């Protein structure tokens, strides 16, 4: 679930657009490579179809500021992040992820 504040055009994007911990409160510029690296490490998107549906909804509301659950608020430029997630396969649940089904 993603929440959107229409007054400030802030998207509370949960795990979409995460960045590694320890960064500044607000990131300006394109840090989509760090986001992609994080996704590849933690493997939190098991379905491309569900991820694309979420991205479609995000693009439809045209947020000014994405505020993700993990990492820095993205200051103004959402386009590089959307493009990166669309162009790179970040789906797949890794060994690290607690949602991974146990192997029998």
N, C-alpha and C. Protein backbone atom coordinates (compact mmCIF):
# COMPACT_ATOMS: atom_id res chain seq x y z
N UNK A 1 0.84 -1.17 0.00
CA UNK A 1 0.00 0.00 0.00
C UNK A 1 0.89 1.24 0.00
N UNK A 2 0.52 2.20 -0.83
CA UNK A 2 1.23 3.45 -0.92
C UNK A 2 0.28 4.58 -0.54
N UNK A 3 0.74 5.50 0.26
CA UNK A 3 -0.09 6.65 0.65
C UNK A 3 0.40 7.88 -0.11
N UNK A 4 -0.54 8.75 -0.47
CA UNK A 4 -0.20 9.95 -1.23
C UNK A 4 -0.90 11.15 -0.61
N UNK A 5 -0.12 12.18 -0.27
CA UNK A 5 -0.66 13.43 0.26
C UNK A 5 -0.82 14.40 -0.91
N UNK A 6 -2.06 14.68 -1.28
CA UNK A 6 -2.33 15.54 -2.43
C UNK A 6 -1.91 16.98 -2.20
N UNK A 7 -1.92 17.43 -0.97
CA UNK A 7 -1.56 18.82 -0.67
C UNK A 7 -0.08 19.08 -0.96
N UNK A 8 0.79 18.21 -0.49
CA UNK A 8 2.23 18.39 -0.69
C UNK A 8 2.76 17.58 -1.86
N UNK A 9 1.92 16.71 -2.43
CA UNK A 9 2.28 15.79 -3.51
C UNK A 9 3.41 14.84 -3.07
N UNK A 10 3.36 14.47 -1.78
CA UNK A 10 4.33 13.53 -1.23
C UNK A 10 3.79 12.12 -1.33
N UNK A 11 4.59 11.24 -1.88
CA UNK A 11 4.26 9.83 -1.96
C UNK A 11 5.00 9.09 -0.87
N UNK A 12 4.28 8.44 0.01
CA UNK A 12 4.89 7.60 1.04
C UNK A 12 4.95 6.20 0.42
N UNK A 13 6.14 5.88 -0.11
CA UNK A 13 6.26 4.79 -1.07
C UNK A 13 6.69 3.45 -0.49
N UNK A 14 6.61 3.30 0.81
CA UNK A 14 6.94 2.03 1.44
C UNK A 14 8.33 1.56 1.00
N UNK A 15 8.42 0.39 0.37
CA UNK A 15 9.71 -0.14 -0.05
C UNK A 15 10.09 0.22 -1.48
N UNK A 16 9.27 1.01 -2.15
CA UNK A 16 9.60 1.46 -3.50
C UNK A 16 10.52 2.67 -3.38
N UNK A 17 11.64 2.63 -4.08
CA UNK A 17 12.66 3.69 -4.10
C UNK A 17 13.52 3.72 -2.84
N UNK A 18 13.82 2.56 -2.27
CA UNK A 18 14.67 2.49 -1.09
C UNK A 18 16.11 2.89 -1.43
N UNK A 19 16.84 3.30 -0.44
CA UNK A 19 18.27 3.54 -0.57
C UNK A 19 18.94 3.02 0.69
N UNK A 20 20.25 2.76 0.62
CA UNK A 20 20.94 2.21 1.79
C UNK A 20 20.84 3.13 3.00
N UNK A 21 20.90 2.56 4.20
CA UNK A 21 20.85 3.38 5.41
C UNK A 21 22.10 4.24 5.56
N UNK A 22 21.97 5.25 6.40
CA UNK A 22 23.10 6.09 6.72
C UNK A 22 23.26 7.31 5.84
N UNK A 23 22.35 7.50 4.90
CA UNK A 23 22.44 8.66 4.02
C UNK A 23 21.78 9.88 4.65
N UNK A 24 21.80 10.99 3.94
CA UNK A 24 21.16 12.20 4.45
C UNK A 24 19.64 12.04 4.46
N UNK A 25 18.96 12.92 5.17
CA UNK A 25 17.51 12.85 5.24
C UNK A 25 16.87 13.04 3.87
N UNK A 26 17.44 13.91 3.06
CA UNK A 26 16.94 14.18 1.72
C UNK A 26 18.08 14.03 0.72
N UNK A 27 17.83 13.26 -0.33
CA UNK A 27 18.80 13.09 -1.41
C UNK A 27 18.36 13.90 -2.61
N UNK A 28 19.24 14.71 -3.14
CA UNK A 28 18.99 15.38 -4.41
C UNK A 28 19.79 14.66 -5.47
N UNK A 29 19.32 14.72 -6.69
CA UNK A 29 20.03 14.06 -7.78
C UNK A 29 19.61 12.61 -7.93
N UNK A 30 20.30 11.93 -8.82
CA UNK A 30 19.98 10.55 -9.16
C UNK A 30 20.87 9.58 -8.39
N UNK A 31 20.26 8.83 -7.50
CA UNK A 31 20.96 7.79 -6.75
C UNK A 31 20.31 6.43 -7.02
N UNK A 32 19.80 6.29 -8.23
CA UNK A 32 19.07 5.06 -8.58
C UNK A 32 19.98 3.83 -8.59
N UNK A 33 21.28 4.00 -8.86
CA UNK A 33 22.18 2.84 -8.81
C UNK A 33 22.24 2.24 -7.42
N UNK A 34 22.28 3.09 -6.40
CA UNK A 34 22.28 2.59 -5.01
C UNK A 34 20.97 1.89 -4.69
N UNK A 35 19.86 2.42 -5.23
CA UNK A 35 18.56 1.79 -5.03
C UNK A 35 18.55 0.40 -5.67
N UNK A 36 19.03 0.29 -6.90
CA UNK A 36 19.06 -1.00 -7.58
C UNK A 36 19.93 -2.00 -6.83
N UNK A 37 21.09 -1.56 -6.35
CA UNK A 37 21.96 -2.43 -5.57
C UNK A 37 21.25 -2.95 -4.32
N UNK A 38 20.50 -2.08 -3.66
CA UNK A 38 19.76 -2.49 -2.46
C UNK A 38 18.72 -3.54 -2.81
N UNK A 39 17.98 -3.33 -3.89
CA UNK A 39 16.97 -4.31 -4.29
C UNK A 39 17.60 -5.66 -4.61
N UNK A 40 18.72 -5.64 -5.29
CA UNK A 40 19.37 -6.91 -5.65
C UNK A 40 19.87 -7.65 -4.42
N UNK A 41 20.25 -6.89 -3.41
CA UNK A 41 20.75 -7.51 -2.18
C UNK A 41 19.61 -8.12 -1.35
N UNK A 42 18.52 -7.38 -1.18
CA UNK A 42 17.48 -7.84 -0.26
C UNK A 42 16.36 -8.61 -0.93
N UNK A 43 16.14 -8.41 -2.23
CA UNK A 43 15.13 -9.20 -2.95
C UNK A 43 13.75 -9.10 -2.36
N UNK A 44 13.09 -7.96 -2.51
CA UNK A 44 11.79 -7.78 -1.87
C UNK A 44 10.61 -7.75 -2.83
N UNK A 45 10.87 -7.81 -4.14
CA UNK A 45 9.78 -7.76 -5.12
C UNK A 45 9.64 -9.11 -5.81
N UNK A 46 8.75 -9.96 -5.33
CA UNK A 46 8.63 -11.29 -5.93
C UNK A 46 7.92 -11.31 -7.27
N UNK A 47 7.21 -10.22 -7.64
CA UNK A 47 6.40 -10.25 -8.85
C UNK A 47 6.59 -8.99 -9.69
N UNK A 48 6.98 -9.16 -10.94
CA UNK A 48 7.12 -8.02 -11.86
C UNK A 48 5.76 -7.38 -12.12
N UNK A 49 4.73 -8.19 -12.26
CA UNK A 49 3.40 -7.65 -12.54
C UNK A 49 2.92 -6.73 -11.42
N UNK A 50 3.12 -7.13 -10.18
CA UNK A 50 2.70 -6.29 -9.06
C UNK A 50 3.54 -5.02 -8.96
N UNK A 51 4.83 -5.14 -9.21
CA UNK A 51 5.70 -3.97 -9.19
C UNK A 51 5.30 -2.99 -10.30
N UNK A 52 5.06 -3.49 -11.51
CA UNK A 52 4.64 -2.61 -12.61
C UNK A 52 3.30 -1.93 -12.31
N UNK A 53 2.39 -2.65 -11.68
CA UNK A 53 1.10 -2.04 -11.31
C UNK A 53 1.30 -0.90 -10.32
N UNK A 54 2.20 -1.09 -9.36
CA UNK A 54 2.49 -0.03 -8.39
C UNK A 54 3.15 1.16 -9.09
N UNK A 55 4.08 0.90 -9.99
CA UNK A 55 4.74 1.99 -10.72
C UNK A 55 3.75 2.76 -11.58
N UNK A 56 2.80 2.06 -12.20
CA UNK A 56 1.76 2.74 -12.99
C UNK A 56 0.96 3.70 -12.12
N UNK A 57 0.61 3.25 -10.93
CA UNK A 57 -0.16 4.10 -10.01
C UNK A 57 0.67 5.30 -9.54
N UNK A 58 1.94 5.06 -9.29
CA UNK A 58 2.82 6.15 -8.87
C UNK A 58 2.94 7.19 -9.97
N UNK A 59 3.17 6.74 -11.19
CA UNK A 59 3.29 7.68 -12.31
C UNK A 59 2.00 8.47 -12.53
N UNK A 60 0.86 7.84 -12.30
CA UNK A 60 -0.43 8.50 -12.52
C UNK A 60 -0.66 9.69 -11.59
N UNK A 61 -0.13 9.63 -10.37
CA UNK A 61 -0.33 10.75 -9.44
C UNK A 61 0.79 11.79 -9.53
N UNK A 62 1.85 11.49 -10.26
CA UNK A 62 2.97 12.42 -10.48
C UNK A 62 3.44 13.07 -9.18
N UNK A 63 3.99 12.26 -8.26
CA UNK A 63 4.43 12.84 -6.98
C UNK A 63 5.60 13.80 -7.15
N UNK A 64 5.65 14.80 -6.29
CA UNK A 64 6.77 15.73 -6.27
C UNK A 64 7.89 15.20 -5.39
N UNK A 65 7.51 14.50 -4.32
CA UNK A 65 8.50 14.02 -3.36
C UNK A 65 8.19 12.59 -2.95
N UNK A 66 9.05 11.64 -3.30
CA UNK A 66 8.89 10.28 -2.80
C UNK A 66 9.58 10.14 -1.42
N UNK A 67 8.84 9.70 -0.46
CA UNK A 67 9.36 9.45 0.89
C UNK A 67 9.23 7.96 1.16
N UNK A 68 10.35 7.26 1.06
CA UNK A 68 10.30 5.80 1.20
C UNK A 68 10.48 5.39 2.66
N UNK A 69 10.12 4.16 2.93
CA UNK A 69 10.19 3.61 4.29
C UNK A 69 11.63 3.39 4.72
N UNK A 70 12.48 3.02 3.78
CA UNK A 70 13.89 2.75 4.08
C UNK A 70 14.75 3.69 3.25
N UNK A 71 15.53 4.52 3.90
CA UNK A 71 16.44 5.40 3.19
C UNK A 71 15.95 6.84 3.15
N UNK A 72 16.58 7.59 2.29
CA UNK A 72 16.36 9.03 2.23
C UNK A 72 15.13 9.40 1.40
N UNK A 73 14.55 10.54 1.74
CA UNK A 73 13.50 11.14 0.92
C UNK A 73 14.18 11.58 -0.38
N UNK A 74 13.50 11.36 -1.50
CA UNK A 74 14.06 11.76 -2.79
C UNK A 74 13.60 13.18 -3.10
N UNK A 75 14.53 14.10 -3.16
CA UNK A 75 14.21 15.52 -3.32
C UNK A 75 13.94 15.94 -4.74
N UNK A 76 12.76 15.67 -5.22
CA UNK A 76 12.33 16.28 -6.46
C UNK A 76 12.44 15.49 -7.74
N UNK A 77 13.41 14.63 -7.91
CA UNK A 77 13.56 13.92 -9.17
C UNK A 77 13.17 12.46 -9.03
N UNK A 78 11.94 12.15 -9.42
CA UNK A 78 11.49 10.77 -9.33
C UNK A 78 11.74 10.01 -10.64
N UNK A 79 11.86 10.73 -11.75
CA UNK A 79 11.99 10.10 -13.06
C UNK A 79 13.15 9.10 -13.14
N UNK A 80 14.35 9.42 -12.67
CA UNK A 80 15.44 8.43 -12.77
C UNK A 80 15.15 7.15 -11.99
N UNK A 81 14.45 7.27 -10.88
CA UNK A 81 14.13 6.11 -10.06
C UNK A 81 13.08 5.23 -10.75
N UNK A 82 12.06 5.87 -11.30
CA UNK A 82 11.04 5.12 -12.04
C UNK A 82 11.67 4.40 -13.23
N UNK A 83 12.49 5.11 -13.98
CA UNK A 83 13.13 4.52 -15.15
C UNK A 83 14.01 3.33 -14.75
N UNK A 84 14.77 3.49 -13.70
CA UNK A 84 15.67 2.41 -13.27
C UNK A 84 14.90 1.16 -12.89
N UNK A 85 13.81 1.31 -12.15
CA UNK A 85 13.04 0.14 -11.73
C UNK A 85 12.33 -0.49 -12.92
N UNK A 86 11.92 0.32 -13.88
CA UNK A 86 11.28 -0.23 -15.09
C UNK A 86 12.29 -0.96 -15.97
N UNK A 87 13.50 -0.42 -16.08
CA UNK A 87 14.48 -0.96 -17.02
C UNK A 87 15.30 -2.13 -16.48
N UNK A 88 15.34 -2.29 -15.17
CA UNK A 88 16.16 -3.34 -14.57
C UNK A 88 15.28 -4.32 -13.81
N UNK A 89 15.58 -5.58 -13.96
CA UNK A 89 14.80 -6.60 -13.24
C UNK A 89 15.27 -6.66 -11.80
N UNK A 90 14.44 -6.19 -10.91
CA UNK A 90 14.76 -6.22 -9.47
C UNK A 90 13.83 -7.18 -8.73
N UNK A 91 13.17 -8.04 -9.49
CA UNK A 91 12.30 -9.02 -8.84
C UNK A 91 13.10 -10.23 -8.43
N UNK A 92 12.55 -10.96 -7.50
CA UNK A 92 13.20 -12.16 -7.00
C UNK A 92 13.47 -12.04 -5.52
N UNK A 93 13.15 -13.07 -4.80
CA UNK A 93 13.35 -13.09 -3.36
C UNK A 93 14.68 -13.76 -3.08
N UNK A 94 15.59 -13.06 -2.42
CA UNK A 94 16.93 -13.59 -2.15
C UNK A 94 16.94 -14.46 -0.90
N UNK A 95 18.06 -15.12 -0.67
CA UNK A 95 18.23 -15.95 0.52
C UNK A 95 18.07 -15.14 1.80
N UNK A 96 18.45 -13.86 1.74
CA UNK A 96 18.37 -12.99 2.91
C UNK A 96 16.94 -12.72 3.34
N UNK A 97 16.04 -12.67 2.39
CA UNK A 97 14.68 -12.20 2.65
C UNK A 97 13.89 -13.19 3.50
N UNK A 98 13.33 -12.73 4.62
CA UNK A 98 12.55 -13.63 5.48
C UNK A 98 11.25 -14.09 4.85
N UNK A 99 10.81 -13.47 3.75
CA UNK A 99 9.59 -13.91 3.07
C UNK A 99 9.85 -15.11 2.15
N UNK A 100 11.11 -15.45 1.98
CA UNK A 100 11.48 -16.56 1.12
C UNK A 100 10.89 -17.84 1.68
N UNK A 101 10.37 -18.66 0.78
CA UNK A 101 9.82 -19.94 1.22
C UNK A 101 10.96 -20.88 1.57
N UNK A 102 10.83 -21.61 2.67
CA UNK A 102 11.89 -22.55 3.05
C UNK A 102 12.07 -23.65 2.00
N UNK A 103 13.30 -24.03 1.81
CA UNK A 103 13.58 -25.11 0.86
C UNK A 103 13.45 -26.44 1.59
N UNK A 104 12.82 -27.36 0.91
CA UNK A 104 12.47 -28.60 1.51
C UNK A 104 13.46 -29.62 1.60
